[in-house]
């Protein structure tokens, strides 16, 4: 494996001039102790450094300090994004200033964030409360012999009446599965049994 050498460059940390410096790979230097500080990883996975001036300690994210010292931010973007998604890589070449929405989009696009089941349910509930249009399609319940048993106004109504799983019932209606709860199901606009 070939290693690429990176030229180390030190700059004052904005707001801590004369007290602390940071380099382009995320090392923090104390001008008072003349030592490089030990960064630590917080529970959220980000590297942090403790900066102390006149007895007041501030905990700072290392990647943000690198960006503030090395990356211009003419559009006043609020967030520093890790391009490779690795929170432990504060190298200046791996950082960029972005908006909140760009940062969130990057996280979902690259598989760094997932929508929880609770968040998905809350979104559906809020949409329903705000009058969002739902696509209700009536369904027909058939026996395995093809005998029509009942018709329901929606998959949810059929599930409430029969105890069927809505996911399975939907898959049967879309012909991705054969049966759900021991029955064959079809949308009313697709009444063909087989």
C-alpha atoms as a PDB file:
ATOM      1  CA  UNK A   1       0.000   0.000   0.000  1.00  0.00           C
ATOM      2  CA  UNK A   2       1.358   3.412  -0.960  1.00  0.00           C
ATOM      3  CA  UNK A   3       1.117   6.102   1.694  1.00  0.00           C
ATOM      4  CA  UNK A   4       0.618   9.653   0.564  1.00  0.00           C
ATOM      5  CA  UNK A   5       2.526  12.166   2.647  1.00  0.00           C
ATOM      6  CA  UNK A   6       0.623  15.231   3.698  1.00  0.00           C
ATOM      7  CA  UNK A   7       2.424  18.460   4.547  1.00  0.00           C
ATOM      8  CA  UNK A   8       1.495  19.430   8.085  1.00  0.00           C
ATOM      9  CA  UNK A   9       0.447  23.051   8.488  1.00  0.00           C
ATOM     10  CA  UNK A  10      -0.370  24.723  11.806  1.00  0.00           C
ATOM     11  CA  UNK A  11      -2.760  27.650  12.307  1.00  0.00           C
ATOM     12  CA  UNK A  12      -4.191  29.513  15.267  1.00  0.00           C
ATOM     13  CA  UNK A  13      -7.623  28.319  16.331  1.00  0.00           C
ATOM     14  CA  UNK A  14     -10.060  31.228  15.785  1.00  0.00           C
ATOM     15  CA  UNK A  15     -11.004  32.655  19.177  1.00  0.00           C
ATOM     16  CA  UNK A  16      -7.990  31.002  20.830  1.00  0.00           C
ATOM     17  CA  UNK A  17      -5.146  32.884  19.116  1.00  0.00           C
ATOM     18  CA  UNK A  18      -1.969  32.691  21.183  1.00  0.00           C
ATOM     19  CA  UNK A  19      -3.398  29.861  23.279  1.00  0.00           C
ATOM     20  CA  UNK A  20      -4.039  26.978  20.863  1.00  0.00           C
ATOM     21  CA  UNK A  21      -3.208  25.961  17.313  1.00  0.00           C
ATOM     22  CA  UNK A  22      -4.518  23.156  15.140  1.00  0.00           C
ATOM     23  CA  UNK A  23      -3.012  21.441  12.130  1.00  0.00           C
ATOM     24  CA  UNK A  24      -4.618  20.271   8.911  1.00  0.00           C
ATOM     25  CA  UNK A  25      -4.910  16.676  10.169  1.00  0.00           C
ATOM     26  CA  UNK A  26      -6.660  17.549  13.439  1.00  0.00           C
ATOM     27  CA  UNK A  27      -3.923  17.707  16.067  1.00  0.00           C
ATOM     28  CA  UNK A  28      -4.370  20.436  18.682  1.00  0.00           C
ATOM     29  CA  UNK A  29      -1.280  22.174  20.112  1.00  0.00           C
ATOM     30  CA  UNK A  30      -1.208  24.087  23.402  1.00  0.00           C
ATOM     31  CA  UNK A  31       1.015  27.164  23.188  1.00  0.00           C
ATOM     32  CA  UNK A  32       1.074  27.290  27.019  1.00  0.00           C
ATOM     33  CA  UNK A  33       2.242  23.700  27.666  1.00  0.00           C
ATOM     34  CA  UNK A  34       4.019  23.387  24.278  1.00  0.00           C
ATOM     35  CA  UNK A  35       2.419  19.969  23.804  1.00  0.00           C
ATOM     36  CA  UNK A  36       0.014  18.332  21.404  1.00  0.00           C
ATOM     37  CA  UNK A  37      -3.216  17.565  23.240  1.00  0.00           C
ATOM     38  CA  UNK A  38      -4.786  14.129  23.238  1.00  0.00           C
ATOM     39  CA  UNK A  39      -8.044  14.212  21.326  1.00  0.00           C
ATOM     40  CA  UNK A  40     -10.703  11.844  22.600  1.00  0.00           C
ATOM     41  CA  UNK A  41     -13.716  10.211  21.040  1.00  0.00           C
ATOM     42  CA  UNK A  42     -17.048  11.131  22.630  1.00  0.00           C
ATOM     43  CA  UNK A  43     -20.008   8.745  22.807  1.00  0.00           C
ATOM     44  CA  UNK A  44     -21.396  10.179  19.542  1.00  0.00           C
ATOM     45  CA  UNK A  45     -18.229   9.097  17.691  1.00  0.00           C
ATOM     46  CA  UNK A  46     -16.796  12.584  17.100  1.00  0.00           C
ATOM     47  CA  UNK A  47     -13.280  13.559  18.181  1.00  0.00           C
ATOM     48  CA  UNK A  48     -13.164  16.273  20.829  1.00  0.00           C
ATOM     49  CA  UNK A  49     -10.500  18.423  22.493  1.00  0.00           C
ATOM     50  CA  UNK A  50     -10.661  20.334  25.774  1.00  0.00           C
ATOM     51  CA  UNK A  51      -9.480  23.928  25.393  1.00  0.00           C
ATOM     52  CA  UNK A  52      -8.803  25.862  28.600  1.00  0.00           C
ATOM     53  CA  UNK A  53      -8.269  29.616  28.805  1.00  0.00           C
ATOM     54  CA  UNK A  54      -8.081  31.479  32.126  1.00  0.00           C
ATOM     55  CA  UNK A  55      -9.603  28.531  34.000  1.00  0.00           C
ATOM     56  CA  UNK A  56     -12.578  28.090  31.661  1.00  0.00           C
ATOM     57  CA  UNK A  57     -12.653  24.758  29.838  1.00  0.00           C
ATOM     58  CA  UNK A  58     -14.522  24.433  26.550  1.00  0.00           C
ATOM     59  CA  UNK A  59     -15.082  21.101  24.832  1.00  0.00           C
ATOM     60  CA  UNK A  60     -14.691  21.499  21.073  1.00  0.00           C
ATOM     61  CA  UNK A  61     -15.245  19.174  18.117  1.00  0.00           C
ATOM     62  CA  UNK A  62     -11.905  18.696  16.377  1.00  0.00           C
ATOM     63  CA  UNK A  63     -13.320  18.601  12.831  1.00  0.00           C
ATOM     64  CA  UNK A  64     -15.052  21.949  13.403  1.00  0.00           C
ATOM     65  CA  UNK A  65     -11.795  23.502  14.666  1.00  0.00           C
ATOM     66  CA  UNK A  66      -9.974  22.249  11.532  1.00  0.00           C
ATOM     67  CA  UNK A  67     -12.669  23.690   9.262  1.00  0.00           C
ATOM     68  CA  UNK A  68     -12.708  27.031  11.082  1.00  0.00           C
ATOM     69  CA  UNK A  69      -8.935  27.344  10.758  1.00  0.00           C
ATOM     70  CA  UNK A  70      -8.455  26.038   7.207  1.00  0.00           C
ATOM     71  CA  UNK A  71     -11.649  26.101   5.132  1.00  0.00           C
ATOM     72  CA  UNK A  72     -13.190  29.402   4.004  1.00  0.00           C
ATOM     73  CA  UNK A  73     -16.926  29.660   4.679  1.00  0.00           C
ATOM     74  CA  UNK A  74     -18.116  32.608   2.541  1.00  0.00           C
ATOM     75  CA  UNK A  75     -21.752  31.413   2.522  1.00  0.00           C
ATOM     76  CA  UNK A  76     -21.761  31.110   6.333  1.00  0.00           C
ATOM     77  CA  UNK A  77     -22.786  27.444   6.248  1.00  0.00           C
ATOM     78  CA  UNK A  78     -23.581  26.085   9.735  1.00  0.00           C
ATOM     79  CA  UNK A  79     -22.302  22.484   9.562  1.00  0.00           C
ATOM     80  CA  UNK A  80     -18.977  20.760   8.883  1.00  0.00           C
ATOM     81  CA  UNK A  81     -19.507  17.511   6.949  1.00  0.00           C
ATOM     82  CA  UNK A  82     -17.123  14.546   6.833  1.00  0.00           C
ATOM     83  CA  UNK A  83     -16.989  13.749   3.102  1.00  0.00           C
ATOM     84  CA  UNK A  84     -16.058  10.089   3.668  1.00  0.00           C
ATOM     85  CA  UNK A  85     -18.574   9.723   6.512  1.00  0.00           C
ATOM     86  CA  UNK A  86     -15.826   8.799   9.006  1.00  0.00           C
ATOM     87  CA  UNK A  87     -16.279  10.898  12.155  1.00  0.00           C
ATOM     88  CA  UNK A  88     -12.744  10.065  13.280  1.00  0.00           C
ATOM     89  CA  UNK A  89     -11.146  11.572  10.147  1.00  0.00           C
ATOM     90  CA  UNK A  90     -10.708  15.330  10.767  1.00  0.00           C
ATOM     91  CA  UNK A  91      -8.263  15.783   7.864  1.00  0.00           C
ATOM     92  CA  UNK A  92      -8.913  19.091   6.101  1.00  0.00           C
ATOM     93  CA  UNK A  93      -9.248  17.238   2.761  1.00  0.00           C
ATOM     94  CA  UNK A  94     -12.161  15.255   4.220  1.00  0.00           C
ATOM     95  CA  UNK A  95     -14.178  18.242   5.446  1.00  0.00           C
ATOM     96  CA  UNK A  96     -16.594  20.718   3.866  1.00  0.00           C
ATOM     97  CA  UNK A  97     -19.012  23.396   5.020  1.00  0.00           C
ATOM     98  CA  UNK A  98     -22.654  22.488   4.250  1.00  0.00           C
ATOM     99  CA  UNK A  99     -26.212  23.396   5.216  1.00  0.00           C
ATOM    100  CA  UNK A 100     -28.199  21.301   7.700  1.00  0.00           C
ATOM    101  CA  UNK A 101     -30.244  19.777   4.880  1.00  0.00           C
ATOM    102  CA  UNK A 102     -27.147  18.943   2.810  1.00  0.00           C
ATOM    103  CA  UNK A 103     -25.591  17.250   5.843  1.00  0.00           C
ATOM    104  CA  UNK A 104     -28.738  15.207   6.485  1.00  0.00           C
ATOM    105  CA  UNK A 105     -29.046  14.257   2.814  1.00  0.00           C
ATOM    106  CA  UNK A 106     -25.371  13.166   2.777  1.00  0.00           C
ATOM    107  CA  UNK A 107     -25.963  10.983   5.855  1.00  0.00           C
ATOM    108  CA  UNK A 108     -28.977   9.191   4.347  1.00  0.00           C
ATOM    109  CA  UNK A 109     -27.478   8.903   0.845  1.00  0.00           C
ATOM    110  CA  UNK A 110     -24.347   7.260   2.231  1.00  0.00           C
ATOM    111  CA  UNK A 111     -26.114   4.968   4.697  1.00  0.00           C
ATOM    112  CA  UNK A 112     -24.811   6.843   7.742  1.00  0.00           C
ATOM    113  CA  UNK A 113     -28.295   7.470   9.156  1.00  0.00           C
ATOM    114  CA  UNK A 114     -31.448   5.412   9.230  1.00  0.00           C
ATOM    115  CA  UNK A 115     -35.058   6.402   9.804  1.00  0.00           C
ATOM    116  CA  UNK A 116     -36.345   4.688  12.938  1.00  0.00           C
ATOM    117  CA  UNK A 117     -39.680   2.883  12.925  1.00  0.00           C
ATOM    118  CA  UNK A 118     -40.984   5.397  15.482  1.00  0.00           C
ATOM    119  CA  UNK A 119     -39.957   8.375  13.297  1.00  0.00           C
ATOM    120  CA  UNK A 120     -41.640   6.793  10.263  1.00  0.00           C
ATOM    121  CA  UNK A 121     -44.845   6.206  12.267  1.00  0.00           C
ATOM    122  CA  UNK A 122     -44.777   9.781  13.598  1.00  0.00           C
ATOM    123  CA  UNK A 123     -44.388  11.143  10.062  1.00  0.00           C
ATOM    124  CA  UNK A 124     -47.413   9.130   8.903  1.00  0.00           C
ATOM    125  CA  UNK A 125     -49.463  10.276  11.901  1.00  0.00           C
ATOM    126  CA  UNK A 126     -48.576  13.945  11.352  1.00  0.00           C
ATOM    127  CA  UNK A 127     -49.346  13.652   7.636  1.00  0.00           C
ATOM    128  CA  UNK A 128     -52.743  12.130   8.421  1.00  0.00           C
ATOM    129  CA  UNK A 129     -53.500  14.822  11.021  1.00  0.00           C
ATOM    130  CA  UNK A 130     -52.630  17.516   8.493  1.00  0.00           C
ATOM    131  CA  UNK A 131     -55.055  16.132   5.947  1.00  0.00           C
ATOM    132  CA  UNK A 132     -52.539  14.411   3.708  1.00  0.00           C
ATOM    133  CA  UNK A 133     -54.199  12.383   1.007  1.00  0.00           C
ATOM    134  CA  UNK A 134     -53.956   8.666   1.529  1.00  0.00           C
ATOM    135  CA  UNK A 135     -54.454   6.171  -1.233  1.00  0.00           C
ATOM    136  CA  UNK A 136     -57.198   3.862  -0.078  1.00  0.00           C
ATOM    137  CA  UNK A 137     -57.937   1.024  -2.444  1.00  0.00           C
ATOM    138  CA  UNK A 138     -60.784  -1.365  -1.816  1.00  0.00           C
ATOM    139  CA  UNK A 139     -59.871  -5.059  -1.571  1.00  0.00           C
ATOM    140  CA  UNK A 140     -61.722  -8.318  -2.089  1.00  0.00           C
ATOM    141  CA  UNK A 141     -61.214 -11.384   0.103  1.00  0.00           C
ATOM    142  CA  UNK A 142     -61.345 -14.811  -1.603  1.00  0.00           C
ATOM    143  CA  UNK A 143     -61.147 -18.340  -0.252  1.00  0.00           C
ATOM    144  CA  UNK A 144     -58.328 -20.537  -1.551  1.00  0.00           C
ATOM    145  CA  UNK A 145     -60.918 -22.071  -3.937  1.00  0.00           C
ATOM    146  CA  UNK A 146     -61.619 -18.677  -5.484  1.00  0.00           C
ATOM    147  CA  UNK A 147     -64.935 -18.045  -3.765  1.00  0.00           C
ATOM    148  CA  UNK A 148     -65.574 -14.369  -3.039  1.00  0.00           C
ATOM    149  CA  UNK A 149     -66.011 -13.875   0.709  1.00  0.00           C
ATOM    150  CA  UNK A 150     -66.053 -10.127   1.413  1.00  0.00           C
ATOM    151  CA  UNK A 151     -65.079  -6.680   0.196  1.00  0.00           C
ATOM    152  CA  UNK A 152     -63.368  -4.039   2.343  1.00  0.00           C
ATOM    153  CA  UNK A 153     -62.861  -0.313   1.742  1.00  0.00           C
ATOM    154  CA  UNK A 154     -59.097  -0.591   2.314  1.00  0.00           C
ATOM    155  CA  UNK A 155     -56.284  -2.924   3.320  1.00  0.00           C
ATOM    156  CA  UNK A 156     -56.391  -1.441   6.837  1.00  0.00           C
ATOM    157  CA  UNK A 157     -60.118  -2.194   7.127  1.00  0.00           C
ATOM    158  CA  UNK A 158     -59.539  -5.769   5.931  1.00  0.00           C
ATOM    159  CA  UNK A 159     -56.747  -6.206   8.479  1.00  0.00           C
ATOM    160  CA  UNK A 160     -58.922  -4.904  11.311  1.00  0.00           C
ATOM    161  CA  UNK A 161     -61.719  -7.299  10.357  1.00  0.00           C
ATOM    162  CA  UNK A 162     -59.603 -10.409   9.748  1.00  0.00           C
ATOM    163  CA  UNK A 163     -56.430  -9.917  11.777  1.00  0.00           C
ATOM    164  CA  UNK A 164     -54.303 -10.224   8.625  1.00  0.00           C
ATOM    165  CA  UNK A 165     -50.904  -8.514   8.436  1.00  0.00           C
ATOM    166  CA  UNK A 166     -51.204  -5.372   6.279  1.00  0.00           C
ATOM    167  CA  UNK A 167     -47.783  -5.885   4.689  1.00  0.00           C
ATOM    168  CA  UNK A 168     -48.565  -9.449   3.629  1.00  0.00           C
ATOM    169  CA  UNK A 169     -52.052  -8.508   2.468  1.00  0.00           C
ATOM    170  CA  UNK A 170     -50.619  -5.719   0.332  1.00  0.00           C
ATOM    171  CA  UNK A 171     -48.061  -8.098  -1.194  1.00  0.00           C
ATOM    172  CA  UNK A 172     -50.845 -10.549  -2.104  1.00  0.00           C
ATOM    173  CA  UNK A 173     -52.847  -7.743  -3.741  1.00  0.00           C
ATOM    174  CA  UNK A 174     -49.748  -6.826  -5.750  1.00  0.00           C
ATOM    175  CA  UNK A 175     -49.196 -10.525  -6.606  1.00  0.00           C
ATOM    176  CA  UNK A 176     -45.858 -10.682  -4.823  1.00  0.00           C
ATOM    177  CA  UNK A 177     -47.172 -13.338  -2.415  1.00  0.00           C
ATOM    178  CA  UNK A 178     -49.828 -16.050  -2.779  1.00  0.00           C
ATOM    179  CA  UNK A 179     -51.865 -15.755   0.443  1.00  0.00           C
ATOM    180  CA  UNK A 180     -52.247 -13.762   3.638  1.00  0.00           C
ATOM    181  CA  UNK A 181     -54.078 -15.066   6.726  1.00  0.00           C
ATOM    182  CA  UNK A 182     -55.204 -18.111   4.711  1.00  0.00           C
ATOM    183  CA  UNK A 183     -56.945 -16.097   1.993  1.00  0.00           C
ATOM    184  CA  UNK A 184     -56.292 -14.693  -1.458  1.00  0.00           C
ATOM    185  CA  UNK A 185     -56.694 -10.918  -1.734  1.00  0.00           C
ATOM    186  CA  UNK A 186     -57.154  -8.666  -4.762  1.00  0.00           C
ATOM    187  CA  UNK A 187     -57.763  -4.982  -5.301  1.00  0.00           C
ATOM    188  CA  UNK A 188     -61.271  -4.328  -6.608  1.00  0.00           C
ATOM    189  CA  UNK A 189     -59.813  -2.972  -9.852  1.00  0.00           C
ATOM    190  CA  UNK A 190     -58.050  -6.367 -10.294  1.00  0.00           C
ATOM    191  CA  UNK A 191     -60.797  -8.889  -9.503  1.00  0.00           C
ATOM    192  CA  UNK A 192     -59.196 -11.742 -11.447  1.00  0.00           C
ATOM    193  CA  UNK A 193     -58.565 -14.526  -8.940  1.00  0.00           C
ATOM    194  CA  UNK A 194     -55.460 -15.960 -10.640  1.00  0.00           C
END
